[in-house]
């Protein structure tokens, strides 16, 4: 028997105490050896503590203002009643009613004046004769021929000023108005592709801080430069920089969450979107000038300048870059706030070295292929579809991405086309976002992913088809009826939007998971770019037609969703060898999905 060790007071240890010391030493050794992943380090500092909660709220604070860019174009571009500008009559100080009664055709069927045509008449003579003598004068209006407007007058009683009245975005210039929303979605698309790459290169915090500064610079410029093409270009940049905040903060929020909490974090992250969605119509109702409205809508980004002091860098990214000292300081702060005690510094640094080496080995092959950013983007566009065993599900789920985004923005921005009050409609749309997110989880746990997605698309189809039928057969039906069916479809497509991301991440093998979600997000943006043109251009031809198109797209997506594999309670695929096996700003990027 060996000599027993002495305690600090000089007394020898008992056998039981010696065994306990050995057990503690073994557990400490095992704990050290188990620090092989970043998740192991995260468990040491805590995943549910005050530090994690604080960082999460800091990250998702910007989501409150995201709907202001995505959904504001109907308010910025509200279209008052308009008619041709008849220069001789305006210069002769005729009233609006006098000009319309002489020069503008009136349609008894709609009860409105023509907005794009005027009578081909001698208005210089009418201005000389005056309104009374010009009535029923055959020399002024010899026949009822019409000509297209070259300039327009707007009913100033409806809105103080909008981008439509600023740049005459009506009639043959109407596609330019739709481009305001299309360029918003294009900005998100470009931002999704660019910002994920920059976050990996420069760091999440750096991208978020600089994007916040540039958003404010561009936002102020948009309110002061009176040139349409400059305005629309600045709006494109504005939305790219919004993704420059959205992408890194979403990644950080997931990287400081444990794997078990990441799905919950993804849902809670987007809830401020619904709050901002509901606030937007109230702001727009009060502020009717588009310049002042634009200024108010960028104001939520001013407090985000505090990101320079409050937003930490992702500890995972710091370790990947070999910045162990910075990562150690951040993790030590997190452990202190969470009331945890870290192992000795040497053990933490050794674990960081192991984690960095492991991450480098995993990314070695990808780094060789992805050294050129353009090549990486082009490869990502086609790689999943080229895999025979993944092709069917890829094409099916990509159409679901395309359809769900098109229908989501089609229903969200369709108030004017439906002829209902835009402020009430928008508020209800935002309000219904919350139950759409919260009710999704029990549905996918009980019914599964596939059946839930099919059911959501089908109910959306029925609801929006009802809107089209009501508008076709009963054009004077109460607006509340159209709002009910439209919002029912909106609730379903909102839940389907979120589920599409979750489902895509689960049905693809690890090697292609981030690529699949990245490609899906790009396809979704294409769908949302189409929405404003369908609403504005097709809607002017026939008011019920956009709803019919959205219902058809939703129906096709419902059918194609039947081709997708069920993933409930199945492990995620690690390879793509088995087609039959399978294991959430608004759109997530490939960089985001890889962290999820």
Foldseek 3Di string as FASTA:
>chain_A
DDDFDADPVGHGDDPVVVVVVVVVVVVVVVLLVPLQAVLSLLVQLHFPFPVLVLLLCLQLLCLLLLCCLQFVLCLLAPAAAKAADDPLCVVLVDDPVLCCVQWWDADPVVRGTDHWKTFPFDVNVCSVVDSVVPPPDCNGHVDRDIDTHPHMDGDCVPFVDHVCNLPVCDDVNVVLSLVLNLLLLVLLLVLLLPLLVVCLVPFLLVLQLVLLVLLVVLLLVLLPDSDSVSNSVSSSSNNSSVSSSNFSSLLLSLLSHRPVCNVVSVLVSNLSNLVSLLVNLVLSVVDRHSSVSSVVSSVSSVVSNCSVPRNDTRLVSCLLVVVQVSSVVVSVVSSVSRVGDDDDPVSSSVSSVSNNVVVCVVCVVVCVQPVDSVSVVVCLQCVQCPDPLRNLVLVLLLLLLLLLLLLLLLLLNQCVLLVHDNSVLSNLLSVLLVCLSVVLVVCCQVPFLLVLLLVLLLLLLVLLVVLLVCCVPPVPPDSVSNSVSSSSSNSSSSSNLFSSAVQQLFFDALVCNLSSLQNSLSSNSVNSSCNSCCNRVVSVVPSSVSSNVSSVSSNSSSVSSVVGETAPCAQAHNDSPHSNDTHGSRGHHSSSSNSD
